[in-house]
């Protein structure tokens, strides 16, 4: 009888642990739509992105992220500033135990770029986030992302251009104490992405690529499909 109880406890503990951490060998998928609109004859605009992230492709939600912001680009500055808001629901790994947690987020960012050797198109994004995560104290996070696009022909992302896409983004936690005697580490996560893009029209691009995300507790690969739309 004791052996049966020990076996049952071990099984339950193992199941709980497996629910907390994703299968690192399983390819996940992120489906993303990015949009940007500038008001005519103005330095102001709006932008946003809507993302559905799945642990395995479809059927096991990782996250649903809805983000929108107001932008301002000072004249001849070459930098775009954004003040935005995001709503995120995050599911637990395992299709039968979604039980999502919720987060509201305010963020500020700066976006600026430069061309290197004529055809290497680089963009830098610096973002600061204030995060209200369910059952936690206010959290903050710093993010830096380097984007690189290289057209296979020519020096710009013109119509019908195929291009190589790369980015790397690092996340650093601000407040370490998140309430309830719980803390987080200084390093939060890193994402590295490689992909191919296609310019359908000057204001519409598509990308298909592969991203590896490394957190404190796990490392997982994701397929990414994205649409980039400028109004």
Protein backbone atom coordinates (compact mmCIF):
# COMPACT_ATOMS: atom_id res chain seq x y z
CA UNK A 1 0.00 0.00 0.00
CA UNK A 2 2.80 2.41 0.90
CA UNK A 3 4.52 1.66 -2.40
CA UNK A 4 1.32 2.49 -4.25
CA UNK A 5 0.98 5.82 -2.38
CA UNK A 6 4.62 6.74 -3.13
CA UNK A 7 4.12 5.87 -6.79
CA UNK A 8 0.95 7.97 -6.94
CA UNK A 9 2.65 10.97 -5.33
CA UNK A 10 5.61 10.67 -7.69
CA UNK A 11 3.26 10.54 -10.69
CA UNK A 12 1.34 13.63 -9.57
CA UNK A 13 4.52 15.61 -8.89
CA UNK A 14 5.98 14.62 -12.25
CA UNK A 15 2.78 15.61 -14.01
CA UNK A 16 2.76 19.00 -12.28
CA UNK A 17 6.35 19.68 -13.28
CA UNK A 18 5.71 18.68 -16.86
CA UNK A 19 2.78 21.10 -16.98
CA UNK A 20 4.94 23.97 -15.85
CA UNK A 21 7.74 23.55 -18.38
CA UNK A 22 7.16 23.17 -22.14
CA UNK A 23 8.54 20.36 -24.25
CA UNK A 24 11.82 21.89 -25.41
CA UNK A 25 12.04 19.49 -28.35
CA UNK A 26 8.63 20.43 -29.75
CA UNK A 27 8.44 23.21 -32.35
CA UNK A 28 5.97 25.92 -31.41
CA UNK A 29 4.50 28.62 -33.63
CA UNK A 30 3.84 32.36 -33.46
CA UNK A 31 1.35 34.03 -35.84
CA UNK A 32 1.82 37.81 -35.93
CA UNK A 33 0.34 40.90 -37.57
CA UNK A 34 2.19 44.23 -37.26
CA UNK A 35 0.70 47.51 -38.46
CA UNK A 36 1.71 51.15 -38.59
CA UNK A 37 -0.13 54.29 -39.68
CA UNK A 38 1.06 57.89 -39.85
CA UNK A 39 -1.41 60.77 -39.74
CA UNK A 40 -1.17 62.91 -42.87
CA UNK A 41 0.85 66.12 -42.55
CA UNK A 42 1.71 65.23 -38.98
CA UNK A 43 4.54 63.80 -36.89
CA UNK A 44 2.01 61.64 -35.05
CA UNK A 45 0.76 58.16 -35.79
CA UNK A 46 -0.38 54.86 -34.33
CA UNK A 47 0.99 51.35 -34.47
CA UNK A 48 0.36 47.94 -32.98
CA UNK A 49 0.73 44.21 -33.24
CA UNK A 50 -1.52 41.24 -32.57
CA UNK A 51 0.07 37.88 -31.88
CA UNK A 52 -1.17 34.38 -31.22
CA UNK A 53 1.53 32.10 -29.83
CA UNK A 54 1.10 28.35 -29.53
CA UNK A 55 3.24 25.82 -27.69
CA UNK A 56 2.99 23.24 -30.46
CA UNK A 57 1.61 24.97 -33.57
CA UNK A 58 -2.14 25.02 -32.94
CA UNK A 59 -4.30 23.81 -30.10
CA UNK A 60 -2.16 24.66 -27.06
CA UNK A 61 -2.15 28.40 -26.44
CA UNK A 62 1.03 29.94 -25.15
CA UNK A 63 -0.05 33.58 -25.39
CA UNK A 64 -2.50 35.97 -26.98
CA UNK A 65 -0.94 39.43 -27.15
CA UNK A 66 -2.77 42.61 -28.22
CA UNK A 67 -0.66 45.77 -28.33
CA UNK A 68 -1.33 49.31 -29.59
CA UNK A 69 0.57 52.57 -29.21
CA UNK A 70 0.68 56.24 -30.19
CA UNK A 71 3.82 57.30 -32.07
CA UNK A 72 5.66 60.58 -32.46
CA UNK A 73 8.56 61.20 -34.84
CA UNK A 74 10.32 64.56 -34.38
CA UNK A 75 11.10 66.28 -37.68
CA UNK A 76 14.40 65.14 -39.23
CA UNK A 77 15.26 63.17 -36.07
CA UNK A 78 15.36 59.67 -37.54
CA UNK A 79 13.80 58.23 -34.38
CA UNK A 80 10.22 57.19 -33.64
CA UNK A 81 8.92 57.28 -30.07
CA UNK A 82 5.95 55.19 -28.92
CA UNK A 83 3.75 55.18 -25.84
CA UNK A 84 1.56 52.10 -25.80
CA UNK A 85 -0.58 49.58 -23.96
CA UNK A 86 -0.71 45.79 -24.21
CA UNK A 87 -3.05 43.11 -22.92
CA UNK A 88 -1.65 39.59 -22.64
CA UNK A 89 -3.19 36.28 -21.64
CA UNK A 90 -0.76 33.43 -21.06
CA UNK A 91 -1.76 29.77 -21.00
CA UNK A 92 0.02 26.96 -19.23
CA UNK A 93 1.78 24.26 -21.21
CA UNK A 94 -0.52 21.31 -21.93
CA UNK A 95 -3.64 21.62 -24.07
CA UNK A 96 -5.93 20.31 -21.31
CA UNK A 97 -4.82 22.79 -18.62
CA UNK A 98 -4.93 26.23 -20.29
CA UNK A 99 -5.94 28.13 -17.09
CA UNK A 100 -4.57 31.46 -18.41
CA UNK A 101 -3.03 34.24 -16.37
CA UNK A 102 -3.51 37.87 -17.41
CA UNK A 103 -1.25 40.88 -17.72
CA UNK A 104 -1.73 44.56 -18.51
CA UNK A 105 1.29 46.46 -19.72
CA UNK A 106 2.30 50.05 -20.52
CA UNK A 107 5.44 50.57 -22.55
CA UNK A 108 7.64 53.32 -23.97
CA UNK A 109 10.06 52.74 -26.83
CA UNK A 110 12.43 54.39 -29.27
CA UNK A 111 13.01 53.04 -32.79
CA UNK A 112 15.82 54.18 -35.07
CA UNK A 113 17.83 52.71 -37.91
CA UNK A 114 20.80 53.02 -40.23
CA UNK A 115 21.97 51.38 -43.45
CA UNK A 116 25.38 49.70 -43.43
CA UNK A 117 27.33 49.01 -46.62
CA UNK A 118 24.26 50.25 -48.54
CA UNK A 119 22.25 47.00 -48.38
CA UNK A 120 22.40 45.97 -44.72
CA UNK A 121 19.34 47.63 -43.18
CA UNK A 122 19.60 47.82 -39.40
CA UNK A 123 16.99 48.96 -36.90
CA UNK A 124 17.40 49.37 -33.14
CA UNK A 125 14.52 49.25 -30.68
CA UNK A 126 14.81 50.14 -27.01
CA UNK A 127 11.70 49.45 -24.92
CA UNK A 128 10.82 50.00 -21.25
CA UNK A 129 7.79 48.19 -19.81
CA UNK A 130 5.65 48.55 -16.71
CA UNK A 131 3.86 45.25 -16.15
CA UNK A 132 0.81 44.41 -14.03
CA UNK A 133 0.90 40.61 -13.95
CA UNK A 134 -1.93 38.76 -12.22
CA UNK A 135 -1.15 37.98 -8.53
CA UNK A 136 2.16 39.88 -8.65
CA UNK A 137 3.41 43.31 -7.66
CA UNK A 138 4.22 45.88 -10.32
CA UNK A 139 7.10 44.68 -12.48
CA UNK A 140 9.37 46.52 -14.93
CA UNK A 141 11.49 45.23 -17.78
CA UNK A 142 14.07 46.60 -20.22
CA UNK A 143 14.33 45.28 -23.79
CA UNK A 144 16.81 45.87 -26.61
CA UNK A 145 16.24 44.48 -30.10
CA UNK A 146 18.56 44.64 -33.12
CA UNK A 147 16.82 43.97 -36.45
CA UNK A 148 18.77 43.33 -39.65
CA UNK A 149 17.23 43.00 -43.12
CA UNK A 150 19.36 42.29 -46.20
CA UNK A 151 17.71 42.28 -49.66
CA UNK A 152 18.99 39.56 -52.00
CA UNK A 153 19.04 42.11 -54.83
CA UNK A 154 19.28 45.88 -54.69
CA UNK A 155 19.71 48.03 -51.62
CA UNK A 156 16.11 48.62 -50.50
CA UNK A 157 13.02 46.58 -49.64
CA UNK A 158 11.32 47.34 -52.93
CA UNK A 159 8.27 45.60 -54.37
CA UNK A 160 8.77 41.86 -55.07
CA UNK A 161 12.06 41.84 -53.15
CA UNK A 162 13.11 38.73 -51.25
CA UNK A 163 15.25 39.47 -48.22
CA UNK A 164 17.07 37.83 -45.33
CA UNK A 165 15.76 38.79 -41.87
CA UNK A 166 17.50 38.54 -38.50
CA UNK A 167 16.86 39.87 -35.04
CA UNK A 168 18.12 39.37 -31.52
CA UNK A 169 16.31 40.73 -28.48
CA UNK A 170 17.44 40.61 -24.87
CA UNK A 171 15.11 41.17 -21.89
CA UNK A 172 16.33 42.40 -18.49
CA UNK A 173 14.12 42.58 -15.40
CA UNK A 174 13.89 45.80 -13.40
CA UNK A 175 12.29 45.11 -10.02
CA UNK A 176 13.50 41.77 -8.73
CA UNK A 177 10.93 41.38 -5.94
CA UNK A 178 7.53 40.58 -7.47
CA UNK A 179 5.57 40.09 -4.22
CA UNK A 180 4.66 37.13 -2.05
CA UNK A 181 8.32 36.60 -1.12
CA UNK A 182 9.01 35.73 -4.79
CA UNK A 183 11.86 37.16 -6.84
CA UNK A 184 12.98 37.03 -10.47
CA UNK A 185 16.48 37.01 -11.86
CA UNK A 186 18.22 39.93 -13.56
CA UNK A 187 18.13 38.13 -16.93
CA UNK A 188 14.62 37.40 -18.19
CA UNK A 189 15.03 35.95 -21.70
CA UNK A 190 16.69 36.20 -25.10
CA UNK A 191 15.22 35.67 -28.57
CA UNK A 192 17.21 34.99 -31.74
CA UNK A 193 15.45 34.88 -35.10
CA UNK A 194 16.42 33.94 -38.67
CA UNK A 195 13.98 34.15 -41.56
CA UNK A 196 13.12 35.08 -45.11
CA UNK A 197 10.91 37.99 -46.11
CA UNK A 198 8.98 38.95 -49.23
CA UNK A 199 7.80 42.45 -50.16
CA UNK A 200 4.39 42.06 -51.77
CA UNK A 201 3.86 45.83 -52.03
CA UNK A 202 5.77 48.76 -50.63
CA UNK A 203 3.45 48.77 -47.62
CA UNK A 204 2.95 45.00 -47.18
CA UNK A 205 5.65 42.47 -46.28
CA UNK A 206 5.58 38.86 -45.12
CA UNK A 207 8.14 36.84 -43.18
CA UNK A 208 8.62 33.17 -42.41
CA UNK A 209 11.33 32.20 -39.97
CA UNK A 210 12.65 30.31 -36.98
CA UNK A 211 13.19 31.77 -33.51
CA UNK A 212 14.90 30.30 -30.45
CA UNK A 213 13.81 31.68 -27.10
CA UNK A 214 15.94 31.12 -24.01
CA UNK A 215 14.55 31.85 -20.55
CA UNK A 216 15.90 31.14 -17.09
CA UNK A 217 13.99 27.84 -16.94
CA UNK A 218 13.73 26.55 -20.51
CA UNK A 219 14.79 26.94 -24.13
CA UNK A 220 12.37 26.44 -27.03
CA UNK A 221 12.23 26.88 -30.80
CA UNK A 222 9.33 28.61 -32.53
CA UNK A 223 8.23 28.96 -36.13
CA UNK A 224 7.19 32.55 -36.87
CA UNK A 225 4.80 33.72 -39.57
CA UNK A 226 4.29 37.48 -39.73
CA UNK A 227 2.65 40.19 -41.81
CA UNK A 228 3.93 43.78 -41.71
CA UNK A 229 1.49 46.41 -42.91
CA UNK A 230 1.98 50.18 -43.27
CA UNK A 231 -1.11 52.28 -43.94
